[in-house]
Amino acid sequence: MNPKASTILFIAFSLFISSTTAFNITKLLGQYSDFSNFNDYLTQTKLNEEINRRQTITVLAVDNGALPAGKSVDVMKKVMSVHVVLDYYDISKLQKLSNKTALLTTLYQSSGSAKTQQGFLNVTILSNGDVVFG
């Protein structure tokens, strides 16, 4: 598995552990400087508040170089909300996916703004074991 995927899943695992008590996504991500832009966008879009209210989620954080620049807060809110899966996924759960693929529901799908299949995220386990979201 590539290092970025490991980091993404580590953050998801941290959120699951913390979900039994109140947690603060921006505080958790603040420990990782590679995710500072992602963290800033969570605050600007107020998605951090929505995430903090949820019990079981997976946040697919991307590093600073992977986020688009110059987009409006409204656009970034849509982009960022697709990175919040409304269930918990760790390596073990991903490896048990039937047919090695699944369609995941994101925060964007539940926002009421999504049309048809928008806001669903496909996850696939490749034959070499890599996890691909898209």
C-alpha atoms as a PDB file:
ATOM      1  CA  MET A   1       0.000   0.000   0.000  1.00  0.00           C
ATOM      2  CA  ASN A   2       1.356   3.427  -0.813  1.00  0.00           C
ATOM      3  CA  PRO A   3       2.268   5.813   2.060  1.00  0.00           C
ATOM      4  CA  LYS A   4      -0.523   8.301   1.287  1.00  0.00           C
ATOM      5  CA  ALA A   5      -3.190   5.616   1.548  1.00  0.00           C
ATOM      6  CA  SER A   6      -1.728   4.497   4.854  1.00  0.00           C
ATOM      7  CA  THR A   7      -1.886   8.037   6.190  1.00  0.00           C
ATOM      8  CA  ILE A   8      -5.482   8.458   5.030  1.00  0.00           C
ATOM      9  CA  LEU A   9      -6.556   5.276   6.766  1.00  0.00           C
ATOM     10  CA  PHE A  10      -4.579   6.140   9.903  1.00  0.00           C
ATOM     11  CA  ILE A  11      -6.575   9.343  10.243  1.00  0.00           C
ATOM     12  CA  ALA A  12      -9.811   7.424   9.723  1.00  0.00           C
ATOM     13  CA  PHE A  13      -8.753   4.981  12.443  1.00  0.00           C
ATOM     14  CA  SER A  14      -7.980   7.849  14.801  1.00  0.00           C
ATOM     15  CA  LEU A  15     -11.434   9.296  14.201  1.00  0.00           C
ATOM     16  CA  PHE A  16     -13.088   5.954  14.945  1.00  0.00           C
ATOM     17  CA  ILE A  17     -11.241   5.572  18.218  1.00  0.00           C
ATOM     18  CA  SER A  18     -12.209   9.078  19.174  1.00  0.00           C
ATOM     19  CA  SER A  19     -15.831   8.671  18.112  1.00  0.00           C
ATOM     20  CA  THR A  20     -16.829   7.138  21.431  1.00  0.00           C
ATOM     21  CA  THR A  21     -16.160  10.527  22.974  1.00  0.00           C
ATOM     22  CA  ALA A  22     -16.326  13.996  21.486  1.00  0.00           C
ATOM     23  CA  PHE A  23     -13.521  14.742  19.048  1.00  0.00           C
ATOM     24  CA  ASN A  24     -12.322  17.694  17.071  1.00  0.00           C
ATOM     25  CA  ILE A  25     -11.297  16.931  13.481  1.00  0.00           C
ATOM     26  CA  THR A  26      -9.236  20.109  13.124  1.00  0.00           C
ATOM     27  CA  LYS A  27      -7.313  19.287  16.301  1.00  0.00           C
ATOM     28  CA  LEU A  28      -6.619  15.745  15.061  1.00  0.00           C
ATOM     29  CA  LEU A  29      -5.491  16.913  11.626  1.00  0.00           C
ATOM     30  CA  GLY A  30      -3.519  19.758  13.172  1.00  0.00           C
ATOM     31  CA  GLN A  31      -0.977  17.168  14.281  1.00  0.00           C
ATOM     32  CA  TYR A  32      -0.016  16.559  10.636  1.00  0.00           C
ATOM     33  CA  SER A  33       1.465  19.523   8.777  1.00  0.00           C
ATOM     34  CA  ASP A  34       1.036  17.744   5.424  1.00  0.00           C
ATOM     35  CA  PHE A  35      -2.734  18.172   5.857  1.00  0.00           C
ATOM     36  CA  SER A  36      -2.804  21.834   6.912  1.00  0.00           C
ATOM     37  CA  ASN A  37      -4.581  23.012   3.726  1.00  0.00           C
ATOM     38  CA  PHE A  38      -7.210  20.289   4.053  1.00  0.00           C
ATOM     39  CA  ASN A  39      -7.661  21.257   7.682  1.00  0.00           C
ATOM     40  CA  ASP A  40      -8.004  24.953   6.793  1.00  0.00           C
ATOM     41  CA  TYR A  41     -10.660  24.169   4.188  1.00  0.00           C
ATOM     42  CA  LEU A  42     -12.627  22.117   6.738  1.00  0.00           C
ATOM     43  CA  THR A  43     -12.766  25.200   8.941  1.00  0.00           C
ATOM     44  CA  GLN A  44     -13.516  27.684   6.120  1.00  0.00           C
ATOM     45  CA  THR A  45     -16.384  25.537   4.810  1.00  0.00           C
ATOM     46  CA  LYS A  46     -17.602  24.743   8.337  1.00  0.00           C
ATOM     47  CA  LEU A  47     -17.532  21.046   7.480  1.00  0.00           C
ATOM     48  CA  ASN A  48     -15.482  20.537  10.640  1.00  0.00           C
ATOM     49  CA  GLU A  49     -18.638  21.280  12.649  1.00  0.00           C
ATOM     50  CA  GLU A  50     -20.647  18.677  10.732  1.00  0.00           C
ATOM     51  CA  ILE A  51     -17.859  16.102  11.075  1.00  0.00           C
ATOM     52  CA  ASN A  52     -17.518  16.725  14.811  1.00  0.00           C
ATOM     53  CA  ARG A  53     -21.249  16.019  15.301  1.00  0.00           C
ATOM     54  CA  ARG A  54     -21.039  12.597  13.659  1.00  0.00           C
ATOM     55  CA  GLN A  55     -20.293   9.334  15.428  1.00  0.00           C
ATOM     56  CA  THR A  56     -19.035   7.002  12.689  1.00  0.00           C
ATOM     57  CA  ILE A  57     -17.140   8.502   9.761  1.00  0.00           C
ATOM     58  CA  THR A  58     -14.016   8.160   7.692  1.00  0.00           C
ATOM     59  CA  VAL A  59     -12.268  11.320   6.550  1.00  0.00           C
ATOM     60  CA  LEU A  60     -10.193  10.838   3.409  1.00  0.00           C
ATOM     61  CA  ALA A  61      -7.729  13.664   3.993  1.00  0.00           C
ATOM     62  CA  VAL A  62      -5.416  14.574   1.133  1.00  0.00           C
ATOM     63  CA  ASP A  63      -2.046  16.258   1.453  1.00  0.00           C
ATOM     64  CA  ASN A  64      -1.378  19.923   0.750  1.00  0.00           C
ATOM     65  CA  GLY A  65      -0.352  19.387  -2.873  1.00  0.00           C
ATOM     66  CA  ALA A  66      -3.531  17.569  -3.866  1.00  0.00           C
ATOM     67  CA  LEU A  67      -6.111  20.306  -3.288  1.00  0.00           C
ATOM     68  CA  PRO A  68      -7.205  22.745  -6.006  1.00  0.00           C
ATOM     69  CA  ALA A  69      -6.338  26.403  -5.515  1.00  0.00           C
ATOM     70  CA  GLY A  70      -8.443  29.467  -6.202  1.00  0.00           C
ATOM     71  CA  LYS A  71     -11.858  27.849  -5.803  1.00  0.00           C
ATOM     72  CA  SER A  72     -14.766  29.472  -3.985  1.00  0.00           C
ATOM     73  CA  VAL A  73     -15.722  28.335  -0.498  1.00  0.00           C
ATOM     74  CA  ASP A  74     -18.951  26.881  -1.941  1.00  0.00           C
ATOM     75  CA  VAL A  75     -17.051  24.767  -4.483  1.00  0.00           C
ATOM     76  CA  MET A  76     -14.539  23.649  -1.868  1.00  0.00           C
ATOM     77  CA  LYS A  77     -17.351  22.636   0.472  1.00  0.00           C
ATOM     78  CA  LYS A  78     -18.690  20.304  -2.216  1.00  0.00           C
ATOM     79  CA  VAL A  79     -15.227  18.919  -2.959  1.00  0.00           C
ATOM     80  CA  MET A  80     -14.382  18.446   0.705  1.00  0.00           C
ATOM     81  CA  SER A  81     -17.718  16.829   1.594  1.00  0.00           C
ATOM     82  CA  VAL A  82     -17.001  14.020  -0.878  1.00  0.00           C
ATOM     83  CA  HIS A  83     -13.951  13.234   1.277  1.00  0.00           C
ATOM     84  CA  VAL A  84     -16.162  12.441   4.282  1.00  0.00           C
ATOM     85  CA  VAL A  85     -17.539   8.893   4.136  1.00  0.00           C
ATOM     86  CA  LEU A  86     -20.568   8.293   6.346  1.00  0.00           C
ATOM     87  CA  ASP A  87     -19.268   5.032   7.777  1.00  0.00           C
ATOM     88  CA  TYR A  88     -16.051   3.781   9.314  1.00  0.00           C
ATOM     89  CA  TYR A  89     -13.525   1.999   7.082  1.00  0.00           C
ATOM     90  CA  ASP A  90     -10.175   0.589   8.131  1.00  0.00           C
ATOM     91  CA  ILE A  91      -7.858  -1.845   6.350  1.00  0.00           C
ATOM     92  CA  SER A  92      -9.640  -4.865   7.785  1.00  0.00           C
ATOM     93  CA  LYS A  93     -13.088  -3.706   6.692  1.00  0.00           C
ATOM     94  CA  LEU A  94     -11.814  -2.732   3.247  1.00  0.00           C
ATOM     95  CA  GLN A  95     -10.189  -6.141   2.740  1.00  0.00           C
ATOM     96  CA  LYS A  96     -13.518  -7.813   3.468  1.00  0.00           C
ATOM     97  CA  LEU A  97     -15.439  -5.959   0.743  1.00  0.00           C
ATOM     98  CA  SER A  98     -17.467  -8.345  -1.375  1.00  0.00           C
ATOM     99  CA  ASN A  99     -16.161  -8.361  -4.938  1.00  0.00           C
ATOM    100  CA  LYS A 100     -13.325  -6.082  -3.705  1.00  0.00           C
ATOM    101  CA  THR A 101     -15.406  -2.987  -4.447  1.00  0.00           C
ATOM    102  CA  ALA A 102     -18.151  -0.897  -2.868  1.00  0.00           C
ATOM    103  CA  LEU A 103     -20.081   2.311  -3.389  1.00  0.00           C
ATOM    104  CA  LEU A 104     -19.745   4.534  -0.299  1.00  0.00           C
ATOM    105  CA  THR A 105     -22.083   7.311   0.790  1.00  0.00           C
ATOM    106  CA  THR A 106     -20.414  10.641   1.482  1.00  0.00           C
ATOM    107  CA  LEU A 107     -21.437  13.773   3.313  1.00  0.00           C
ATOM    108  CA  TYR A 108     -22.111  15.416  -0.056  1.00  0.00           C
ATOM    109  CA  GLN A 109     -24.718  12.769  -0.929  1.00  0.00           C
ATOM    110  CA  SER A 110     -26.526  13.466   2.331  1.00  0.00           C
ATOM    111  CA  SER A 111     -26.396  17.259   1.848  1.00  0.00           C
ATOM    112  CA  GLY A 112     -29.419  17.397  -0.438  1.00  0.00           C
ATOM    113  CA  SER A 113     -27.343  19.108  -3.145  1.00  0.00           C
ATOM    114  CA  ALA A 114     -26.250  15.925  -4.903  1.00  0.00           C
ATOM    115  CA  LYS A 115     -28.018  14.832  -8.052  1.00  0.00           C
ATOM    116  CA  THR A 116     -28.439  11.134  -8.960  1.00  0.00           C
ATOM    117  CA  GLN A 117     -25.100   9.383  -8.269  1.00  0.00           C
ATOM    118  CA  GLN A 118     -23.197  12.485  -7.157  1.00  0.00           C
ATOM    119  CA  GLY A 119     -21.806  12.100  -3.685  1.00  0.00           C
ATOM    120  CA  PHE A 120     -21.250   8.383  -3.888  1.00  0.00           C
ATOM    121  CA  LEU A 121     -17.631   7.267  -3.884  1.00  0.00           C
ATOM    122  CA  ASN A 122     -16.351   4.024  -5.325  1.00  0.00           C
ATOM    123  CA  VAL A 123     -13.664   2.117  -3.428  1.00  0.00           C
ATOM    124  CA  THR A 124     -11.808  -0.761  -5.039  1.00  0.00           C
ATOM    125  CA  ILE A 125      -9.123  -3.128  -3.777  1.00  0.00           C
ATOM    126  CA  LEU A 126      -6.663  -3.788  -6.602  1.00  0.00           C
ATOM    127  CA  SER A 127      -5.057  -7.195  -7.141  1.00  0.00           C
ATOM    128  CA  ASN A 128      -1.799  -5.906  -5.587  1.00  0.00           C
ATOM    129  CA  GLY A 129      -3.705  -4.870  -2.435  1.00  0.00           C
ATOM    130  CA  ASP A 130      -3.718  -1.118  -3.105  1.00  0.00           C
ATOM    131  CA  VAL A 131      -6.903   0.739  -2.186  1.00  0.00           C
ATOM    132  CA  VAL A 132      -8.299   3.147  -4.778  1.00  0.00           C
ATOM    133  CA  PHE A 133     -11.018   5.715  -4.130  1.00  0.00           C
ATOM    134  CA  GLY A 134     -12.692   7.499  -7.017  1.00  0.00           C
END
